[in-house]
Amino acid sequence: MKKNNVLKLGLVENQFEFQISFEVKTKELNTPIRLETWSSAEDFLKHGKKANLDLLFVDIRLPQMDGIELIRIISEEIPDLKTAALTIADSEETIFAALRAGALGYLLKSELSDLNHIITTIMNGGAMITPTIALRMINSFRTPYEKSEFELTNREKQVLLEIASGLSIHEAGKRLGISDNTLNTHLKTIYRKLRVRNRVQLIERARKLGFIN
């Protein structure tokens, strides 16, 4: 933690209520801080990249560009800026994706009572994962997924491969000779079968199960 200097914190969060509660918590810290907030990833990339922050907290569930993608961009373009992911609850795939993107912390929003310890740990070169998230990560190693639990049809496997390669819905549908609506229907079924909610989770689960390399 910085001494005799103002610690420059940032928060990317689209929920106004959490912005307020987070600001209240920062006022209880034992070091002077300056907090800036942005309501979306796009807002930060447009207005916050030159804010010269020490640590940025990023909500994973942001509108449009999600928090993981923002953390990845920051890691590449502002490598000296430390980031920590914030969440309500997420899958193991999302947790690992955020950490791989460059986050030095993965924090449950309801477990920020000791924000001073979290910030001190990260600023001193460590990493922080709040207790509930840590337990989920441990459990994910203890209970590996069995591919037989997640059966996909041949067409669904084709759709999965195209989407995992980075193609858009339209591009994947064109390659497979099916309409956008039909491909979307297959994709929704794949999401349901693999128990995921977005493309990041989909690719992580598919890789873990061996559907893709």
C-alpha atoms as a PDB file:
ATOM      1  CA  MET A   1       0.000   0.000   0.000  1.00  0.00           C
ATOM      2  CA  LYS A   2       1.256   3.466  -0.815  1.00  0.00           C
ATOM      3  CA  LYS A   3       2.362   5.608   2.086  1.00  0.00           C
ATOM      4  CA  ASN A   4       2.061   9.376   2.173  1.00  0.00           C
ATOM      5  CA  ASN A   5       0.634   9.280  -1.357  1.00  0.00           C
ATOM      6  CA  VAL A   6      -2.902   9.140  -2.662  1.00  0.00           C
ATOM      7  CA  LEU A   7      -3.873   5.658  -3.844  1.00  0.00           C
ATOM      8  CA  LYS A   8      -5.662   5.956  -7.182  1.00  0.00           C
ATOM      9  CA  LEU A   9      -8.468   3.410  -7.465  1.00  0.00           C
ATOM     10  CA  GLY A  10     -10.904   2.829 -10.299  1.00  0.00           C
ATOM     11  CA  LEU A  11     -14.217   0.979 -10.534  1.00  0.00           C
ATOM     12  CA  VAL A  12     -15.990  -0.200 -13.694  1.00  0.00           C
ATOM     13  CA  GLU A  13     -19.536  -1.051 -12.584  1.00  0.00           C
ATOM     14  CA  ASN A  14     -22.924  -0.464 -14.202  1.00  0.00           C
ATOM     15  CA  GLN A  15     -24.991  -0.780 -11.002  1.00  0.00           C
ATOM     16  CA  PHE A  16     -25.264   2.639  -9.347  1.00  0.00           C
ATOM     17  CA  GLU A  17     -26.114   1.125  -5.942  1.00  0.00           C
ATOM     18  CA  PHE A  18     -22.876  -0.848  -5.882  1.00  0.00           C
ATOM     19  CA  GLN A  19     -20.898   2.199  -6.994  1.00  0.00           C
ATOM     20  CA  ILE A  20     -22.196   4.022  -3.916  1.00  0.00           C
ATOM     21  CA  SER A  21     -21.556   1.146  -1.503  1.00  0.00           C
ATOM     22  CA  PHE A  22     -18.041   0.651  -2.882  1.00  0.00           C
ATOM     23  CA  GLU A  23     -17.288   4.346  -2.477  1.00  0.00           C
ATOM     24  CA  VAL A  24     -18.420   4.155   1.154  1.00  0.00           C
ATOM     25  CA  LYS A  25     -16.045   1.219   1.754  1.00  0.00           C
ATOM     26  CA  THR A  26     -13.106   3.108   0.244  1.00  0.00           C
ATOM     27  CA  LYS A  27     -13.676   5.999   2.643  1.00  0.00           C
ATOM     28  CA  GLU A  28     -13.026   3.577   5.513  1.00  0.00           C
ATOM     29  CA  LEU A  29      -9.546   2.664   4.247  1.00  0.00           C
ATOM     30  CA  ASN A  30      -6.506   3.620   6.297  1.00  0.00           C
ATOM     31  CA  THR A  31      -4.812   5.406   3.419  1.00  0.00           C
ATOM     32  CA  PRO A  32      -5.812   8.447   1.330  1.00  0.00           C
ATOM     33  CA  ILE A  33      -7.545   7.376  -1.888  1.00  0.00           C
ATOM     34  CA  ARG A  34      -8.972   8.867  -5.027  1.00  0.00           C
ATOM     35  CA  LEU A  35     -11.762   6.849  -6.629  1.00  0.00           C
ATOM     36  CA  GLU A  36     -12.984   7.193 -10.203  1.00  0.00           C
ATOM     37  CA  THR A  37     -15.894   5.205 -11.619  1.00  0.00           C
ATOM     38  CA  TRP A  38     -17.057   4.218 -15.100  1.00  0.00           C
ATOM     39  CA  SER A  39     -20.344   2.528 -15.981  1.00  0.00           C
ATOM     40  CA  SER A  40     -19.095   0.332 -18.837  1.00  0.00           C
ATOM     41  CA  ALA A  41     -15.973  -1.123 -20.398  1.00  0.00           C
ATOM     42  CA  GLU A  42     -16.416   1.181 -23.366  1.00  0.00           C
ATOM     43  CA  ASP A  43     -16.663   4.191 -21.062  1.00  0.00           C
ATOM     44  CA  PHE A  44     -13.383   3.255 -19.364  1.00  0.00           C
ATOM     45  CA  LEU A  45     -11.558   2.631 -22.643  1.00  0.00           C
ATOM     46  CA  LYS A  46     -12.702   6.019 -23.926  1.00  0.00           C
ATOM     47  CA  HIS A  47     -12.189   8.131 -20.809  1.00  0.00           C
ATOM     48  CA  GLY A  48     -10.175   6.159 -18.248  1.00  0.00           C
ATOM     49  CA  LYS A  49      -7.090   4.797 -19.978  1.00  0.00           C
ATOM     50  CA  LYS A  50      -5.066   7.905 -19.083  1.00  0.00           C
ATOM     51  CA  ALA A  51      -6.321   8.124 -15.483  1.00  0.00           C
ATOM     52  CA  ASN A  52      -2.974   6.776 -14.206  1.00  0.00           C
ATOM     53  CA  LEU A  53      -4.667   4.402 -11.753  1.00  0.00           C
ATOM     54  CA  ASP A  54      -2.947   2.061  -9.319  1.00  0.00           C
ATOM     55  CA  LEU A  55      -5.716  -0.539  -9.159  1.00  0.00           C
ATOM     56  CA  LEU A  56      -8.924  -1.040 -11.138  1.00  0.00           C
ATOM     57  CA  PHE A  57     -11.884  -3.120  -9.938  1.00  0.00           C
ATOM     58  CA  VAL A  58     -13.942  -4.514 -12.824  1.00  0.00           C
ATOM     59  CA  ASP A  59     -17.421  -6.031 -12.692  1.00  0.00           C
ATOM     60  CA  ILE A  60     -17.467  -9.193 -14.797  1.00  0.00           C
ATOM     61  CA  ARG A  61     -21.124  -8.751 -15.839  1.00  0.00           C
ATOM     62  CA  LEU A  62     -20.967  -5.507 -17.767  1.00  0.00           C
ATOM     63  CA  PRO A  63     -23.314  -4.555 -20.608  1.00  0.00           C
ATOM     64  CA  GLN A  64     -21.907  -5.029 -24.117  1.00  0.00           C
ATOM     65  CA  MET A  65     -18.164  -5.717 -23.640  1.00  0.00           C
ATOM     66  CA  ASP A  66     -17.802  -7.887 -20.532  1.00  0.00           C
ATOM     67  CA  GLY A  67     -15.290  -7.451 -17.742  1.00  0.00           C
ATOM     68  CA  ILE A  68     -13.034 -10.304 -18.839  1.00  0.00           C
ATOM     69  CA  GLU A  69     -12.478  -8.753 -22.242  1.00  0.00           C
ATOM     70  CA  LEU A  70     -11.777  -5.376 -20.629  1.00  0.00           C
ATOM     71  CA  ILE A  71      -9.214  -6.950 -18.277  1.00  0.00           C
ATOM     72  CA  ARG A  72      -7.546  -8.659 -21.245  1.00  0.00           C
ATOM     73  CA  ILE A  73      -7.283  -5.348 -23.134  1.00  0.00           C
ATOM     74  CA  ILE A  74      -5.890  -3.597 -20.068  1.00  0.00           C
ATOM     75  CA  SER A  75      -3.294  -6.345 -19.586  1.00  0.00           C
ATOM     76  CA  GLU A  76      -2.103  -5.800 -23.151  1.00  0.00           C
ATOM     77  CA  GLU A  77      -2.355  -2.005 -23.414  1.00  0.00           C
ATOM     78  CA  ILE A  78      -1.796  -0.834 -19.812  1.00  0.00           C
ATOM     79  CA  PRO A  79       0.322  -3.652 -18.315  1.00  0.00           C
ATOM     80  CA  ASP A  80       1.294  -1.642 -15.225  1.00  0.00           C
ATOM     81  CA  LEU A  81      -2.340  -1.243 -14.151  1.00  0.00           C
ATOM     82  CA  LYS A  82      -3.382  -3.911 -11.647  1.00  0.00           C
ATOM     83  CA  THR A  83      -6.920  -5.275 -12.030  1.00  0.00           C
ATOM     84  CA  ALA A  84      -9.311  -7.225  -9.832  1.00  0.00           C
ATOM     85  CA  ALA A  85     -12.549  -8.844 -11.006  1.00  0.00           C
ATOM     86  CA  LEU A  86     -15.828  -8.376  -9.128  1.00  0.00           C
ATOM     87  CA  THR A  87     -18.778 -10.730  -9.302  1.00  0.00           C
ATOM     88  CA  ILE A  88     -21.988 -11.854  -7.632  1.00  0.00           C
ATOM     89  CA  ALA A  89     -21.570 -15.520  -8.611  1.00  0.00           C
ATOM     90  CA  ASP A  90     -19.899 -17.151 -11.597  1.00  0.00           C
ATOM     91  CA  SER A  91     -18.844 -20.502 -12.991  1.00  0.00           C
ATOM     92  CA  GLU A  92     -15.377 -21.929 -12.545  1.00  0.00           C
ATOM     93  CA  GLU A  93     -14.740 -21.309 -16.249  1.00  0.00           C
ATOM     94  CA  THR A  94     -15.392 -17.592 -15.844  1.00  0.00           C
ATOM     95  CA  ILE A  95     -13.146 -17.401 -12.784  1.00  0.00           C
ATOM     96  CA  PHE A  96     -10.221 -19.025 -14.618  1.00  0.00           C
ATOM     97  CA  ALA A  97     -10.864 -16.918 -17.728  1.00  0.00           C
ATOM     98  CA  ALA A  98     -10.625 -13.702 -15.693  1.00  0.00           C
ATOM     99  CA  LEU A  99      -7.400 -14.812 -14.030  1.00  0.00           C
ATOM    100  CA  ARG A 100      -5.906 -15.831 -17.375  1.00  0.00           C
ATOM    101  CA  ALA A 101      -6.905 -12.444 -18.786  1.00  0.00           C
ATOM    102  CA  GLY A 102      -4.691 -10.816 -16.170  1.00  0.00           C
ATOM    103  CA  ALA A 103      -6.812 -10.171 -13.064  1.00  0.00           C
ATOM    104  CA  LEU A 104      -4.866 -10.257  -9.796  1.00  0.00           C
ATOM    105  CA  GLY A 105      -8.016 -10.759  -7.779  1.00  0.00           C
ATOM    106  CA  TYR A 106     -11.398 -12.444  -8.139  1.00  0.00           C
ATOM    107  CA  LEU A 107     -13.744 -11.080  -5.529  1.00  0.00           C
ATOM    108  CA  LEU A 108     -17.305 -11.795  -4.530  1.00  0.00           C
ATOM    109  CA  LYS A 109     -19.099  -8.487  -4.089  1.00  0.00           C
ATOM    110  CA  SER A 110     -20.614  -9.650  -0.811  1.00  0.00           C
ATOM    111  CA  GLU A 111     -17.157 -10.443   0.611  1.00  0.00           C
ATOM    112  CA  LEU A 112     -15.478  -7.046   0.488  1.00  0.00           C
ATOM    113  CA  SER A 113     -15.698  -6.257   4.202  1.00  0.00           C
ATOM    114  CA  ASP A 114     -11.899  -6.207   4.499  1.00  0.00           C
ATOM    115  CA  LEU A 115     -11.229  -4.103   1.434  1.00  0.00           C
ATOM    116  CA  ASN A 116      -8.103  -2.691   3.052  1.00  0.00           C
ATOM    117  CA  HIS A 117      -6.534  -6.168   3.223  1.00  0.00           C
ATOM    118  CA  ILE A 118      -7.558  -6.946  -0.367  1.00  0.00           C
ATOM    119  CA  ILE A 119      -6.024  -3.751  -1.734  1.00  0.00           C
ATOM    120  CA  THR A 120      -2.883  -4.042   0.401  1.00  0.00           C
ATOM    121  CA  THR A 121      -2.286  -7.612  -0.772  1.00  0.00           C
ATOM    122  CA  ILE A 122      -2.644  -6.761  -4.455  1.00  0.00           C
ATOM    123  CA  MET A 123      -0.644  -3.543  -4.261  1.00  0.00           C
ATOM    124  CA  ASN A 124       2.175  -5.397  -2.480  1.00  0.00           C
ATOM    125  CA  GLY A 125       2.510  -7.820  -5.374  1.00  0.00           C
ATOM    126  CA  GLY A 126       0.106 -10.547  -4.253  1.00  0.00           C
ATOM    127  CA  ALA A 127      -3.249 -11.805  -5.481  1.00  0.00           C
ATOM    128  CA  MET A 128      -6.619 -12.107  -3.755  1.00  0.00           C
ATOM    129  CA  ILE A 129      -9.500 -14.536  -4.131  1.00  0.00           C
ATOM    130  CA  THR A 130     -12.350 -14.200  -1.649  1.00  0.00           C
ATOM    131  CA  PRO A 131     -13.254 -17.319   0.400  1.00  0.00           C
ATOM    132  CA  THR A 132     -16.376 -18.462  -1.472  1.00  0.00           C
ATOM    133  CA  ILE A 133     -14.627 -18.156  -4.839  1.00  0.00           C
ATOM    134  CA  ALA A 134     -11.577 -20.020  -3.505  1.00  0.00           C
ATOM    135  CA  LEU A 135     -13.792 -22.890  -2.337  1.00  0.00           C
ATOM    136  CA  ARG A 136     -15.472 -23.136  -5.733  1.00  0.00           C
ATOM    137  CA  MET A 137     -12.072 -23.337  -7.414  1.00  0.00           C
ATOM    138  CA  ILE A 138     -10.965 -26.101  -5.053  1.00  0.00           C
ATOM    139  CA  ASN A 139     -14.184 -28.038  -5.669  1.00  0.00           C
ATOM    140  CA  SER A 140     -13.725 -27.725  -9.420  1.00  0.00           C
ATOM    141  CA  PHE A 141     -10.454 -29.653  -9.131  1.00  0.00           C
ATOM    142  CA  ARG A 142     -12.054 -32.325  -6.947  1.00  0.00           C
ATOM    143  CA  THR A 143     -15.003 -32.990  -9.264  1.00  0.00           C
ATOM    144  CA  PRO A 144     -13.794 -33.123 -12.874  1.00  0.00           C
ATOM    145  CA  TYR A 145     -16.422 -33.079 -15.614  1.00  0.00           C
ATOM    146  CA  GLU A 146     -17.171 -36.279 -17.490  1.00  0.00           C
ATOM    147  CA  LYS A 147     -17.680 -35.789 -21.221  1.00  0.00           C
ATOM    148  CA  SER A 148     -20.446 -38.402 -21.190  1.00  0.00           C
ATOM    149  CA  GLU A 149     -22.563 -36.010 -19.097  1.00  0.00           C
ATOM    150  CA  PHE A 150     -22.628 -33.492 -21.954  1.00  0.00           C
ATOM    151  CA  GLU A 151     -23.747 -35.248 -25.132  1.00  0.00           C
ATOM    152  CA  LEU A 152     -23.921 -33.130 -28.301  1.00  0.00           C
ATOM    153  CA  THR A 153     -25.266 -34.097 -31.716  1.00  0.00           C
ATOM    154  CA  ASN A 154     -22.923 -34.039 -34.700  1.00  0.00           C
ATOM    155  CA  ARG A 155     -24.484 -30.782 -35.912  1.00  0.00           C
ATOM    156  CA  GLU A 156     -24.100 -29.203 -32.461  1.00  0.00           C
ATOM    157  CA  LYS A 157     -20.441 -30.216 -32.435  1.00  0.00           C
ATOM    158  CA  GLN A 158     -20.008 -28.538 -35.837  1.00  0.00           C
ATOM    159  CA  VAL A 159     -21.635 -25.358 -34.563  1.00  0.00           C
ATOM    160  CA  LEU A 160     -19.469 -25.433 -31.447  1.00  0.00           C
ATOM    161  CA  LEU A 161     -16.262 -25.726 -33.485  1.00  0.00           C
ATOM    162  CA  GLU A 162     -17.205 -22.802 -35.724  1.00  0.00           C
ATOM    163  CA  ILE A 163     -18.194 -20.540 -32.835  1.00  0.00           C
ATOM    164  CA  ALA A 164     -15.094 -21.511 -30.834  1.00  0.00           C
ATOM    165  CA  SER A 165     -12.931 -20.546 -33.815  1.00  0.00           C
ATOM    166  CA  GLY A 166     -14.133 -16.969 -33.369  1.00  0.00           C
ATOM    167  CA  LEU A 167     -16.702 -16.743 -36.159  1.00  0.00           C
ATOM    168  CA  SER A 168     -19.832 -14.632 -35.750  1.00  0.00           C
ATOM    169  CA  ILE A 169     -23.301 -16.185 -35.854  1.00  0.00           C
ATOM    170  CA  HIS A 170     -23.721 -15.126 -39.469  1.00  0.00           C
ATOM    171  CA  GLU A 171     -20.277 -16.342 -40.549  1.00  0.00           C
ATOM    172  CA  ALA A 172     -20.708 -19.717 -38.832  1.00  0.00           C
ATOM    173  CA  GLY A 173     -24.176 -20.176 -40.328  1.00  0.00           C
ATOM    174  CA  LYS A 174     -22.879 -19.376 -43.802  1.00  0.00           C
ATOM    175  CA  ARG A 175     -20.057 -21.920 -43.494  1.00  0.00           C
ATOM    176  CA  LEU A 176     -22.473 -24.614 -42.309  1.00  0.00           C
ATOM    177  CA  GLY A 177     -25.148 -23.730 -44.850  1.00  0.00           C
ATOM    178  CA  ILE A 178     -27.817 -22.867 -42.283  1.00  0.00           C
ATOM    179  CA  SER A 179     -29.678 -19.675 -41.414  1.00  0.00           C
ATOM    180  CA  ASP A 180     -28.763 -17.367 -38.550  1.00  0.00           C
ATOM    181  CA  ASN A 181     -31.951 -18.386 -36.724  1.00  0.00           C
ATOM    182  CA  THR A 182     -31.176 -22.093 -37.063  1.00  0.00           C
ATOM    183  CA  LEU A 183     -27.615 -21.605 -35.851  1.00  0.00           C
ATOM    184  CA  ASN A 184     -28.872 -19.539 -32.900  1.00  0.00           C
ATOM    185  CA  THR A 185     -31.249 -22.365 -31.988  1.00  0.00           C
ATOM    186  CA  HIS A 186     -28.387 -24.877 -32.023  1.00  0.00           C
ATOM    187  CA  LEU A 187     -26.233 -22.509 -29.990  1.00  0.00           C
ATOM    188  CA  LYS A 188     -28.908 -22.060 -27.317  1.00  0.00           C
ATOM    189  CA  THR A 189     -29.210 -25.844 -27.062  1.00  0.00           C
ATOM    190  CA  ILE A 190     -25.431 -26.158 -26.692  1.00  0.00           C
ATOM    191  CA  TYR A 191     -25.435 -23.511 -23.947  1.00  0.00           C
ATOM    192  CA  ARG A 192     -28.152 -25.431 -22.110  1.00  0.00           C
ATOM    193  CA  LYS A 193     -26.463 -28.823 -22.485  1.00  0.00           C
ATOM    194  CA  LEU A 194     -23.048 -27.561 -21.404  1.00  0.00           C
ATOM    195  CA  ARG A 195     -24.595 -25.454 -18.615  1.00  0.00           C
ATOM    196  CA  VAL A 196     -22.975 -22.181 -19.644  1.00  0.00           C
ATOM    197  CA  ARG A 197     -24.258 -18.640 -20.136  1.00  0.00           C
ATOM    198  CA  ASN A 198     -21.851 -16.930 -22.529  1.00  0.00           C
ATOM    199  CA  ARG A 199     -19.210 -17.587 -25.147  1.00  0.00           C
ATOM    200  CA  VAL A 200     -16.285 -17.378 -22.712  1.00  0.00           C
ATOM    201  CA  GLN A 201     -17.823 -20.056 -20.490  1.00  0.00           C
ATOM    202  CA  LEU A 202     -18.730 -22.118 -23.562  1.00  0.00           C
ATOM    203  CA  ILE A 203     -15.175 -22.244 -24.873  1.00  0.00           C
ATOM    204  CA  GLU A 204     -13.738 -23.008 -21.431  1.00  0.00           C
ATOM    205  CA  ARG A 205     -16.206 -25.850 -20.824  1.00  0.00           C
ATOM    206  CA  ALA A 206     -15.773 -27.246 -24.336  1.00  0.00           C
ATOM    207  CA  ARG A 207     -11.982 -27.241 -23.942  1.00  0.00           C
ATOM    208  CA  LYS A 208     -12.191 -28.902 -20.537  1.00  0.00           C
ATOM    209  CA  LEU A 209     -14.448 -31.616 -21.985  1.00  0.00           C
ATOM    210  CA  GLY A 210     -12.251 -32.193 -25.007  1.00  0.00           C
ATOM    211  CA  PHE A 211     -14.691 -30.952 -27.644  1.00  0.00           C
ATOM    212  CA  ILE A 212     -12.062 -28.441 -28.813  1.00  0.00           C
ATOM    213  CA  ASN A 213      -8.300 -28.180 -28.417  1.00  0.00           C
END
